[in-house]
Amino acid sequence: MSNAVLGLFAGLFLALAGITGGIGGFLFAVVLGGIGLIIGAHRDGTIDLGALLRSRGRG
């Protein structure tokens, strides 16, 4: 499935969230979509969440 088709489905789902849930539902869908994007990018190897979450030895 191409990125264009995935973007189309994401836009349709966000439109449905905005219609059914109002602005609160739309914003909630956008936040969950962003979290899903970050997790997906981590699984693809695009970003490294481990490096961001590791504590930096302070002292």
C-alpha atoms as a PDB file:
ATOM      1  CA  MET A   1       0.000   0.000   0.000  1.00  0.00           C
ATOM      2  CA  SER A   2       1.478   3.333  -1.032  1.00  0.00           C
ATOM      3  CA  ASN A   3       1.985   6.313   1.229  1.00  0.00           C
ATOM      4  CA  ALA A   4      -0.641   8.242  -0.730  1.00  0.00           C
ATOM      5  CA  VAL A   5      -3.286   5.620   0.052  1.00  0.00           C
ATOM      6  CA  LEU A   6      -2.280   5.556   3.721  1.00  0.00           C
ATOM      7  CA  GLY A   7      -2.526   9.349   3.816  1.00  0.00           C
ATOM      8  CA  LEU A   8      -5.966   9.171   2.214  1.00  0.00           C
ATOM      9  CA  PHE A   9      -7.210   6.724   4.847  1.00  0.00           C
ATOM     10  CA  ALA A  10      -5.697   8.784   7.655  1.00  0.00           C
ATOM     11  CA  GLY A  11      -7.455  11.896   6.350  1.00  0.00           C
ATOM     12  CA  LEU A  12     -10.762  10.051   6.086  1.00  0.00           C
ATOM     13  CA  PHE A  13     -10.487   8.707   9.630  1.00  0.00           C
ATOM     14  CA  LEU A  14      -9.628  12.155  10.984  1.00  0.00           C
ATOM     15  CA  ALA A  15     -12.615  13.613   9.133  1.00  0.00           C
ATOM     16  CA  LEU A  16     -14.872  10.979  10.685  1.00  0.00           C
ATOM     17  CA  ALA A  17     -13.450  11.740  14.126  1.00  0.00           C
ATOM     18  CA  GLY A  18     -14.134  15.434  13.603  1.00  0.00           C
ATOM     19  CA  ILE A  19     -17.693  14.786  12.450  1.00  0.00           C
ATOM     20  CA  THR A  20     -18.644  12.370  15.218  1.00  0.00           C
ATOM     21  CA  GLY A  21     -16.633  13.741  18.129  1.00  0.00           C
ATOM     22  CA  GLY A  22     -16.440  17.445  17.416  1.00  0.00           C
ATOM     23  CA  ILE A  23     -13.212  19.327  17.985  1.00  0.00           C
ATOM     24  CA  GLY A  24     -12.347  17.268  21.074  1.00  0.00           C
ATOM     25  CA  GLY A  25     -12.643  13.990  19.175  1.00  0.00           C
ATOM     26  CA  PHE A  26     -10.637  15.416  16.298  1.00  0.00           C
ATOM     27  CA  LEU A  27      -7.791  16.541  18.559  1.00  0.00           C
ATOM     28  CA  PHE A  28      -7.812  13.200  20.369  1.00  0.00           C
ATOM     29  CA  ALA A  29      -7.542  11.398  17.012  1.00  0.00           C
ATOM     30  CA  VAL A  30      -4.650  13.640  15.970  1.00  0.00           C
ATOM     31  CA  VAL A  31      -2.766  12.942  19.224  1.00  0.00           C
ATOM     32  CA  LEU A  32      -3.284   9.185  18.902  1.00  0.00           C
ATOM     33  CA  GLY A  33      -2.232   9.363  15.252  1.00  0.00           C
ATOM     34  CA  GLY A  34       0.977  11.137  16.246  1.00  0.00           C
ATOM     35  CA  ILE A  35       1.741   8.508  18.863  1.00  0.00           C
ATOM     36  CA  GLY A  36       1.107   5.787  16.289  1.00  0.00           C
ATOM     37  CA  LEU A  37       3.395   7.563  13.827  1.00  0.00           C
ATOM     38  CA  ILE A  38       6.218   7.727  16.376  1.00  0.00           C
ATOM     39  CA  ILE A  39       5.853   4.045  17.293  1.00  0.00           C
ATOM     40  CA  GLY A  40       5.695   3.048  13.620  1.00  0.00           C
ATOM     41  CA  ALA A  41       8.782   5.096  12.795  1.00  0.00           C
ATOM     42  CA  HIS A  42      10.604   3.442  15.690  1.00  0.00           C
ATOM     43  CA  ARG A  43       9.657  -0.008  14.420  1.00  0.00           C
ATOM     44  CA  ASP A  44      10.808   0.933  10.901  1.00  0.00           C
ATOM     45  CA  GLY A  45      14.132   2.083  12.308  1.00  0.00           C
ATOM     46  CA  THR A  46      13.698   5.710  11.277  1.00  0.00           C
ATOM     47  CA  ILE A  47      14.007   7.049  14.817  1.00  0.00           C
ATOM     48  CA  ASP A  48      15.556   5.572  17.947  1.00  0.00           C
ATOM     49  CA  LEU A  49      13.327   6.010  20.973  1.00  0.00           C
ATOM     50  CA  GLY A  50      15.836   4.222  23.197  1.00  0.00           C
ATOM     51  CA  ALA A  51      18.336   7.033  22.688  1.00  0.00           C
ATOM     52  CA  LEU A  52      15.708   9.607  23.602  1.00  0.00           C
ATOM     53  CA  LEU A  53      14.502   7.757  26.681  1.00  0.00           C
ATOM     54  CA  ARG A  54      17.883   6.767  28.132  1.00  0.00           C
ATOM     55  CA  SER A  55      18.952   8.799  31.110  1.00  0.00           C
ATOM     56  CA  ARG A  56      22.039  10.877  30.585  1.00  0.00           C
ATOM     57  CA  GLY A  57      24.482  10.212  33.383  1.00  0.00           C
ATOM     58  CA  ARG A  58      24.317  13.415  35.370  1.00  0.00           C
ATOM     59  CA  GLY A  59      27.062  14.267  37.696  1.00  0.00           C
END
